C-alpha atoms as a PDB file:
ATOM      1  CA  UNK A   1      54.971 -47.282  19.092  1.00  0.00           C
ATOM      2  CA  UNK A   2      54.397 -45.454  22.337  1.00  0.00           C
ATOM      3  CA  UNK A   3      51.436 -44.802  24.302  1.00  0.00           C
ATOM      4  CA  UNK A   4      48.940 -42.165  24.223  1.00  0.00           C
ATOM      5  CA  UNK A   5      47.987 -39.984  27.272  1.00  0.00           C
ATOM      6  CA  UNK A   6      45.154 -37.905  28.189  1.00  0.00           C
ATOM      7  CA  UNK A   7      45.553 -35.316  30.915  1.00  0.00           C
ATOM      8  CA  UNK A   8      42.528 -33.001  32.307  1.00  0.00           C
ATOM      9  CA  UNK A   9      39.236 -32.753  34.060  1.00  0.00           C
ATOM     10  CA  UNK A  10      37.683 -36.315  34.837  1.00  0.00           C
ATOM     11  CA  UNK A  11      34.326 -35.574  32.758  1.00  0.00           C
ATOM     12  CA  UNK A  12      36.602 -34.807  29.456  1.00  0.00           C
ATOM     13  CA  UNK A  13      38.958 -37.499  29.644  1.00  0.00           C
ATOM     14  CA  UNK A  14      37.648 -40.669  31.638  1.00  0.00           C
ATOM     15  CA  UNK A  15      36.071 -42.106  28.391  1.00  0.00           C
ATOM     16  CA  UNK A  16      39.420 -41.931  26.662  1.00  0.00           C
ATOM     17  CA  UNK A  17      40.516 -44.924  28.718  1.00  0.00           C
ATOM     18  CA  UNK A  18      38.343 -47.142  26.581  1.00  0.00           C
ATOM     19  CA  UNK A  19      40.436 -46.580  23.459  1.00  0.00           C
ATOM     20  CA  UNK A  20      43.481 -47.352  25.521  1.00  0.00           C
ATOM     21  CA  UNK A  21      44.702 -43.789  26.710  1.00  0.00           C
ATOM     22  CA  UNK A  22      46.420 -43.654  30.083  1.00  0.00           C
ATOM     23  CA  UNK A  23      44.175 -41.019  31.710  1.00  0.00           C
ATOM     24  CA  UNK A  24      45.495 -38.556  34.227  1.00  0.00           C
ATOM     25  CA  UNK A  25      42.716 -36.861  36.196  1.00  0.00           C
ATOM     26  CA  UNK A  26      43.531 -33.307  37.053  1.00  0.00           C
ATOM     27  CA  UNK A  27      40.826 -30.984  38.047  1.00  0.00           C
ATOM     28  CA  UNK A  28      43.087 -27.651  38.751  1.00  0.00           C
ATOM     29  CA  UNK A  29      46.160 -26.196  37.315  1.00  0.00           C
ATOM     30  CA  UNK A  30      48.713 -27.309  40.239  1.00  0.00           C
ATOM     31  CA  UNK A  31      47.433 -30.942  39.404  1.00  0.00           C
ATOM     32  CA  UNK A  32      47.741 -30.649  35.885  1.00  0.00           C
ATOM     33  CA  UNK A  33      51.387 -29.378  36.317  1.00  0.00           C
ATOM     34  CA  UNK A  34      52.342 -32.150  38.618  1.00  0.00           C
ATOM     35  CA  UNK A  35      51.067 -34.763  36.442  1.00  0.00           C
ATOM     36  CA  UNK A  36      52.431 -33.315  33.448  1.00  0.00           C
ATOM     37  CA  UNK A  37      56.283 -33.124  35.180  1.00  0.00           C
ATOM     38  CA  UNK A  38      55.941 -36.694  36.296  1.00  0.00           C
ATOM     39  CA  UNK A  39      54.546 -38.237  32.877  1.00  0.00           C
ATOM     40  CA  UNK A  40      55.167 -42.154  32.977  1.00  0.00           C
ATOM     41  CA  UNK A  41      57.853 -43.547  30.599  1.00  0.00           C
ATOM     42  CA  UNK A  42      56.724 -44.146  27.106  1.00  0.00           C
ATOM     43  CA  UNK A  43      54.177 -41.720  26.525  1.00  0.00           C
ATOM     44  CA  UNK A  44      54.424 -40.371  23.024  1.00  0.00           C
ATOM     45  CA  UNK A  45      51.424 -38.027  22.875  1.00  0.00           C
ATOM     46  CA  UNK A  46      49.321 -36.465  25.575  1.00  0.00           C
ATOM     47  CA  UNK A  47      45.863 -35.108  24.513  1.00  0.00           C
ATOM     48  CA  UNK A  48      44.965 -32.081  26.834  1.00  0.00           C
ATOM     49  CA  UNK A  49      41.474 -30.590  27.700  1.00  0.00           C
ATOM     50  CA  UNK A  50      41.729 -26.762  26.897  1.00  0.00           C
ATOM     51  CA  UNK A  51      41.831 -25.840  30.584  1.00  0.00           C
ATOM     52  CA  UNK A  52      44.993 -28.235  30.820  1.00  0.00           C
ATOM     53  CA  UNK A  53      46.334 -26.790  27.993  1.00  0.00           C
ATOM     54  CA  UNK A  54      45.968 -23.135  29.466  1.00  0.00           C
ATOM     55  CA  UNK A  55      47.559 -24.510  32.830  1.00  0.00           C
ATOM     56  CA  UNK A  56      50.530 -25.773  30.762  1.00  0.00           C
ATOM     57  CA  UNK A  57      51.458 -22.738  28.417  1.00  0.00           C
ATOM     58  CA  UNK A  58      54.759 -21.534  30.383  1.00  0.00           C
ATOM     59  CA  UNK A  59      55.607 -25.636  30.288  1.00  0.00           C
ATOM     60  CA  UNK A  60      55.021 -25.933  26.652  1.00  0.00           C
ATOM     61  CA  UNK A  61      56.671 -22.939  25.571  1.00  0.00           C
ATOM     62  CA  UNK A  62      59.895 -23.381  27.379  1.00  0.00           C
ATOM     63  CA  UNK A  63      62.778 -24.810  25.505  1.00  0.00           C
ATOM     64  CA  UNK A  64      63.760 -27.986  27.085  1.00  0.00           C
ATOM     65  CA  UNK A  65      64.604 -31.695  26.734  1.00  0.00           C
ATOM     66  CA  UNK A  66      62.386 -34.086  24.950  1.00  0.00           C
ATOM     67  CA  UNK A  67      58.583 -33.912  25.582  1.00  0.00           C
ATOM     68  CA  UNK A  68      55.566 -35.976  24.220  1.00  0.00           C
ATOM     69  CA  UNK A  69      53.520 -34.323  21.197  1.00  0.00           C
ATOM     70  CA  UNK A  70      50.488 -32.775  22.618  1.00  0.00           C
ATOM     71  CA  UNK A  71      47.011 -32.138  21.049  1.00  0.00           C
ATOM     72  CA  UNK A  72      44.029 -30.029  22.702  1.00  0.00           C
ATOM     73  CA  UNK A  73      40.571 -31.067  22.762  1.00  0.00           C
ATOM     74  CA  UNK A  74      38.077 -28.746  20.987  1.00  0.00           C
ATOM     75  CA  UNK A  75      36.463 -26.626  23.724  1.00  0.00           C
END
């Protein structure tokens, strides 16, 4: 079983560390894209905040290699 990561604004994702998620703090679109492109190995699911999902729209829509599953938090 792979690991879960949470990517987005500090106030939205920090608490997910208590559930064992790898928390990746990104408060602006450039940071979101940088962290997405350098995800640690073994991540099978990434929980995105709505803002992070918006920043990643081009990346998520592009065809390409293996990517983790993504889920977007409700607003």
